[in-house]
């Protein structure tokens, strides 16, 4: 991992870059999953809902956002990395941060088809607690709820 990577709280000025990371990461990691919202709606959601209303963190390299973590209550709501930054330990740093911020435990949802994410969370002590047929998510994609209890 680059020594120039900074992990910090996100602010309103980061919303556009966070949405960009989310869009690139989703496209690279989940090419078979139908997105429920277009690019502009995703950008508006980050600017109007996510950043103002949730605990948001970013990883930056040379001041460019390359990863993001969003916590919503005890939910690890979003963890995405720019595709070119996968495999450099940033995801490990972000999930450890989430665990420190929520020492009582966390839960998250991921799509069943996302094998790399499932393996990643399992390596960090999350266990599958529930599987659904996708009827409760906007993408209508089968998913898995993971929980982490220290």
C-alpha atoms as a PDB file:
ATOM      1  CA  UNK A   1       0.000   0.000   0.000  1.00  0.00           C
ATOM      2  CA  UNK A   2       1.173   3.484  -0.796  1.00  0.00           C
ATOM      3  CA  UNK A   3       2.521   5.528   2.076  1.00  0.00           C
ATOM      4  CA  UNK A   4       0.630   8.522   0.696  1.00  0.00           C
ATOM      5  CA  UNK A   5      -2.814   7.110   1.481  1.00  0.00           C
ATOM      6  CA  UNK A   6      -4.808   9.099   4.039  1.00  0.00           C
ATOM      7  CA  UNK A   7      -7.902   7.830   5.854  1.00  0.00           C
ATOM      8  CA  UNK A   8     -10.159  10.686   7.002  1.00  0.00           C
ATOM      9  CA  UNK A   9     -13.738  11.707   7.684  1.00  0.00           C
ATOM     10  CA  UNK A  10     -15.589  12.706   4.550  1.00  0.00           C
ATOM     11  CA  UNK A  11     -17.275  16.041   4.060  1.00  0.00           C
ATOM     12  CA  UNK A  12     -19.728  17.557   1.603  1.00  0.00           C
ATOM     13  CA  UNK A  13     -16.914  18.328  -0.845  1.00  0.00           C
ATOM     14  CA  UNK A  14     -16.164  14.574  -1.119  1.00  0.00           C
ATOM     15  CA  UNK A  15     -19.656  13.495  -2.215  1.00  0.00           C
ATOM     16  CA  UNK A  16     -19.026  13.695  -5.974  1.00  0.00           C
ATOM     17  CA  UNK A  17     -15.747  11.760  -5.745  1.00  0.00           C
ATOM     18  CA  UNK A  18     -17.337   9.168  -3.455  1.00  0.00           C
ATOM     19  CA  UNK A  19     -20.136   8.638  -5.964  1.00  0.00           C
ATOM     20  CA  UNK A  20     -17.524   8.198  -8.703  1.00  0.00           C
ATOM     21  CA  UNK A  21     -15.726   5.501  -6.703  1.00  0.00           C
ATOM     22  CA  UNK A  22     -19.052   3.781  -6.021  1.00  0.00           C
ATOM     23  CA  UNK A  23     -20.029   3.825  -9.707  1.00  0.00           C
ATOM     24  CA  UNK A  24     -16.650   2.522 -10.956  1.00  0.00           C
ATOM     25  CA  UNK A  25     -16.449  -0.135  -8.265  1.00  0.00           C
ATOM     26  CA  UNK A  26     -20.016  -1.370  -8.783  1.00  0.00           C
ATOM     27  CA  UNK A  27     -19.445  -1.647 -12.536  1.00  0.00           C
ATOM     28  CA  UNK A  28     -16.190  -3.574 -12.085  1.00  0.00           C
ATOM     29  CA  UNK A  29     -17.258  -5.879  -9.240  1.00  0.00           C
ATOM     30  CA  UNK A  30     -20.892  -6.533 -10.172  1.00  0.00           C
ATOM     31  CA  UNK A  31     -21.179  -6.552 -13.969  1.00  0.00           C
ATOM     32  CA  UNK A  32     -24.159  -8.939 -13.896  1.00  0.00           C
ATOM     33  CA  UNK A  33     -26.165  -6.964 -11.325  1.00  0.00           C
ATOM     34  CA  UNK A  34     -28.762  -4.536 -12.642  1.00  0.00           C
ATOM     35  CA  UNK A  35     -28.305  -1.104 -11.076  1.00  0.00           C
ATOM     36  CA  UNK A  36     -31.536   0.316  -9.714  1.00  0.00           C
ATOM     37  CA  UNK A  37     -30.527   3.959 -10.292  1.00  0.00           C
ATOM     38  CA  UNK A  38     -28.655   5.903 -12.975  1.00  0.00           C
ATOM     39  CA  UNK A  39     -25.392   7.767 -12.467  1.00  0.00           C
ATOM     40  CA  UNK A  40     -27.015  11.130 -11.751  1.00  0.00           C
ATOM     41  CA  UNK A  41     -29.317   9.615  -9.121  1.00  0.00           C
ATOM     42  CA  UNK A  42     -26.339   7.921  -7.429  1.00  0.00           C
ATOM     43  CA  UNK A  43     -24.448  11.231  -7.350  1.00  0.00           C
ATOM     44  CA  UNK A  44     -27.492  13.026  -5.884  1.00  0.00           C
ATOM     45  CA  UNK A  45     -27.959  10.261  -3.291  1.00  0.00           C
ATOM     46  CA  UNK A  46     -24.357  10.667  -2.084  1.00  0.00           C
ATOM     47  CA  UNK A  47     -24.630  14.477  -1.981  1.00  0.00           C
ATOM     48  CA  UNK A  48     -28.096  14.736  -0.439  1.00  0.00           C
ATOM     49  CA  UNK A  49     -28.492  11.593   1.694  1.00  0.00           C
ATOM     50  CA  UNK A  50     -25.296   9.666   2.352  1.00  0.00           C
ATOM     51  CA  UNK A  51     -22.711  12.314   3.201  1.00  0.00           C
ATOM     52  CA  UNK A  52     -25.011  14.619   5.214  1.00  0.00           C
ATOM     53  CA  UNK A  53     -26.807  11.840   7.063  1.00  0.00           C
ATOM     54  CA  UNK A  54     -24.337   9.036   7.730  1.00  0.00           C
ATOM     55  CA  UNK A  55     -20.856   8.544   9.147  1.00  0.00           C
ATOM     56  CA  UNK A  56     -18.622   8.679   6.077  1.00  0.00           C
ATOM     57  CA  UNK A  57     -14.904   8.050   5.698  1.00  0.00           C
ATOM     58  CA  UNK A  58     -12.657   8.221   2.644  1.00  0.00           C
ATOM     59  CA  UNK A  59      -9.231   6.930   1.667  1.00  0.00           C
ATOM     60  CA  UNK A  60      -7.361   9.464  -0.406  1.00  0.00           C
ATOM     61  CA  UNK A  61      -4.170   9.128  -2.423  1.00  0.00           C
ATOM     62  CA  UNK A  62      -2.617  12.392  -3.580  1.00  0.00           C
ATOM     63  CA  UNK A  63      -5.865  14.022  -2.388  1.00  0.00           C
ATOM     64  CA  UNK A  64      -7.954  11.856  -4.762  1.00  0.00           C
ATOM     65  CA  UNK A  65     -10.696   9.706  -3.189  1.00  0.00           C
ATOM     66  CA  UNK A  66      -9.880   6.037  -3.871  1.00  0.00           C
ATOM     67  CA  UNK A  67     -12.030   4.313  -1.245  1.00  0.00           C
ATOM     68  CA  UNK A  68     -15.032   4.921   0.964  1.00  0.00           C
ATOM     69  CA  UNK A  69     -16.717   3.609   4.071  1.00  0.00           C
ATOM     70  CA  UNK A  70     -20.245   4.522   5.158  1.00  0.00           C
ATOM     71  CA  UNK A  71     -21.626   3.544   8.555  1.00  0.00           C
ATOM     72  CA  UNK A  72     -25.341   3.892   9.319  1.00  0.00           C
ATOM     73  CA  UNK A  73     -26.087   2.920  12.909  1.00  0.00           C
ATOM     74  CA  UNK A  74     -24.642  -0.561  13.371  1.00  0.00           C
ATOM     75  CA  UNK A  75     -24.706  -1.198   9.624  1.00  0.00           C
ATOM     76  CA  UNK A  76     -21.617  -1.180   7.455  1.00  0.00           C
ATOM     77  CA  UNK A  77     -23.677   0.435   4.715  1.00  0.00           C
ATOM     78  CA  UNK A  78     -21.068   0.968   1.986  1.00  0.00           C
ATOM     79  CA  UNK A  79     -17.453  -0.093   1.481  1.00  0.00           C
ATOM     80  CA  UNK A  80     -16.129   0.497  -2.017  1.00  0.00           C
ATOM     81  CA  UNK A  81     -12.670   0.889  -3.541  1.00  0.00           C
ATOM     82  CA  UNK A  82     -11.672   2.313  -6.867  1.00  0.00           C
ATOM     83  CA  UNK A  83     -10.962  -0.840  -8.935  1.00  0.00           C
ATOM     84  CA  UNK A  84      -7.310   0.083  -9.484  1.00  0.00           C
ATOM     85  CA  UNK A  85      -6.835   0.308  -5.691  1.00  0.00           C
ATOM     86  CA  UNK A  86      -8.128  -3.175  -4.837  1.00  0.00           C
ATOM     87  CA  UNK A  87      -5.619  -5.555  -3.301  1.00  0.00           C
ATOM     88  CA  UNK A  88      -3.531  -2.858  -1.596  1.00  0.00           C
ATOM     89  CA  UNK A  89      -4.874  -3.209   1.941  1.00  0.00           C
ATOM     90  CA  UNK A  90      -7.263  -0.255   1.852  1.00  0.00           C
ATOM     91  CA  UNK A  91     -10.339  -2.426   2.333  1.00  0.00           C
ATOM     92  CA  UNK A  92      -8.652  -4.038   5.354  1.00  0.00           C
ATOM     93  CA  UNK A  93      -8.030  -0.592   6.847  1.00  0.00           C
ATOM     94  CA  UNK A  94     -11.616   0.470   6.226  1.00  0.00           C
ATOM     95  CA  UNK A  95     -13.227  -2.631   7.735  1.00  0.00           C
ATOM     96  CA  UNK A  96     -10.935  -2.423  10.796  1.00  0.00           C
ATOM     97  CA  UNK A  97     -11.970   1.214  11.182  1.00  0.00           C
ATOM     98  CA  UNK A  98     -15.633   0.173  11.017  1.00  0.00           C
ATOM     99  CA  UNK A  99     -15.018  -2.452  13.697  1.00  0.00           C
ATOM    100  CA  UNK A 100     -13.281   0.100  15.943  1.00  0.00           C
ATOM    101  CA  UNK A 101     -16.105   2.610  15.417  1.00  0.00           C
ATOM    102  CA  UNK A 102     -18.769  -0.024  16.206  1.00  0.00           C
ATOM    103  CA  UNK A 103     -17.157  -2.215  18.888  1.00  0.00           C
ATOM    104  CA  UNK A 104     -20.528  -3.752  19.786  1.00  0.00           C
ATOM    105  CA  UNK A 105     -20.859  -5.314  16.353  1.00  0.00           C
ATOM    106  CA  UNK A 106     -21.813  -4.663  12.748  1.00  0.00           C
ATOM    107  CA  UNK A 107     -24.031  -6.066  10.061  1.00  0.00           C
ATOM    108  CA  UNK A 108     -24.015  -5.632   6.298  1.00  0.00           C
ATOM    109  CA  UNK A 109     -25.638  -6.887   3.130  1.00  0.00           C
ATOM    110  CA  UNK A 110     -23.823  -8.027   0.008  1.00  0.00           C
ATOM    111  CA  UNK A 111     -25.018  -9.693  -3.152  1.00  0.00           C
ATOM    112  CA  UNK A 112     -24.704 -13.471  -3.273  1.00  0.00           C
ATOM    113  CA  UNK A 113     -22.861 -13.259  -6.606  1.00  0.00           C
ATOM    114  CA  UNK A 114     -20.133 -11.075  -5.073  1.00  0.00           C
ATOM    115  CA  UNK A 115     -17.764 -13.879  -4.075  1.00  0.00           C
ATOM    116  CA  UNK A 116     -14.738 -11.622  -3.524  1.00  0.00           C
ATOM    117  CA  UNK A 117     -16.672  -9.392  -1.104  1.00  0.00           C
ATOM    118  CA  UNK A 118     -18.086 -12.393   0.736  1.00  0.00           C
ATOM    119  CA  UNK A 119     -14.603 -13.894   1.181  1.00  0.00           C
ATOM    120  CA  UNK A 120     -13.250 -10.495   2.272  1.00  0.00           C
ATOM    121  CA  UNK A 121     -15.884 -10.045   4.990  1.00  0.00           C
ATOM    122  CA  UNK A 122     -15.530 -13.654   6.160  1.00  0.00           C
ATOM    123  CA  UNK A 123     -11.761 -13.113   6.534  1.00  0.00           C
ATOM    124  CA  UNK A 124     -12.614 -10.189   8.821  1.00  0.00           C
ATOM    125  CA  UNK A 125     -14.811 -12.290  11.103  1.00  0.00           C
ATOM    126  CA  UNK A 126     -18.242 -11.666   9.573  1.00  0.00           C
ATOM    127  CA  UNK A 127     -20.583 -14.642   9.377  1.00  0.00           C
ATOM    128  CA  UNK A 128     -23.534 -15.167   7.057  1.00  0.00           C
ATOM    129  CA  UNK A 129     -26.760 -14.831   9.059  1.00  0.00           C
ATOM    130  CA  UNK A 130     -29.471 -14.682   6.391  1.00  0.00           C
ATOM    131  CA  UNK A 131     -29.881 -15.228   2.660  1.00  0.00           C
ATOM    132  CA  UNK A 132     -32.724 -13.762   0.618  1.00  0.00           C
ATOM    133  CA  UNK A 133     -34.071 -14.111  -2.899  1.00  0.00           C
ATOM    134  CA  UNK A 134     -33.518 -10.388  -3.525  1.00  0.00           C
ATOM    135  CA  UNK A 135     -37.175  -9.413  -3.359  1.00  0.00           C
ATOM    136  CA  UNK A 136     -36.407  -6.846  -0.628  1.00  0.00           C
ATOM    137  CA  UNK A 137     -33.629  -4.955  -2.457  1.00  0.00           C
ATOM    138  CA  UNK A 138     -33.988  -2.523  -5.341  1.00  0.00           C
ATOM    139  CA  UNK A 139     -31.788  -4.573  -7.664  1.00  0.00           C
ATOM    140  CA  UNK A 140     -33.911  -7.722  -7.126  1.00  0.00           C
ATOM    141  CA  UNK A 141     -30.642  -9.620  -6.678  1.00  0.00           C
ATOM    142  CA  UNK A 142     -30.258 -12.466  -4.149  1.00  0.00           C
ATOM    143  CA  UNK A 143     -28.261 -11.213  -1.178  1.00  0.00           C
ATOM    144  CA  UNK A 144     -26.680 -12.226   2.109  1.00  0.00           C
ATOM    145  CA  UNK A 145     -26.742 -10.473   5.477  1.00  0.00           C
ATOM    146  CA  UNK A 146     -23.474 -10.757   7.381  1.00  0.00           C
ATOM    147  CA  UNK A 147     -22.911 -10.008  11.044  1.00  0.00           C
ATOM    148  CA  UNK A 148     -19.763  -9.357  13.045  1.00  0.00           C
ATOM    149  CA  UNK A 149     -19.799  -9.670  16.810  1.00  0.00           C
ATOM    150  CA  UNK A 150     -16.523  -9.145  18.695  1.00  0.00           C
END
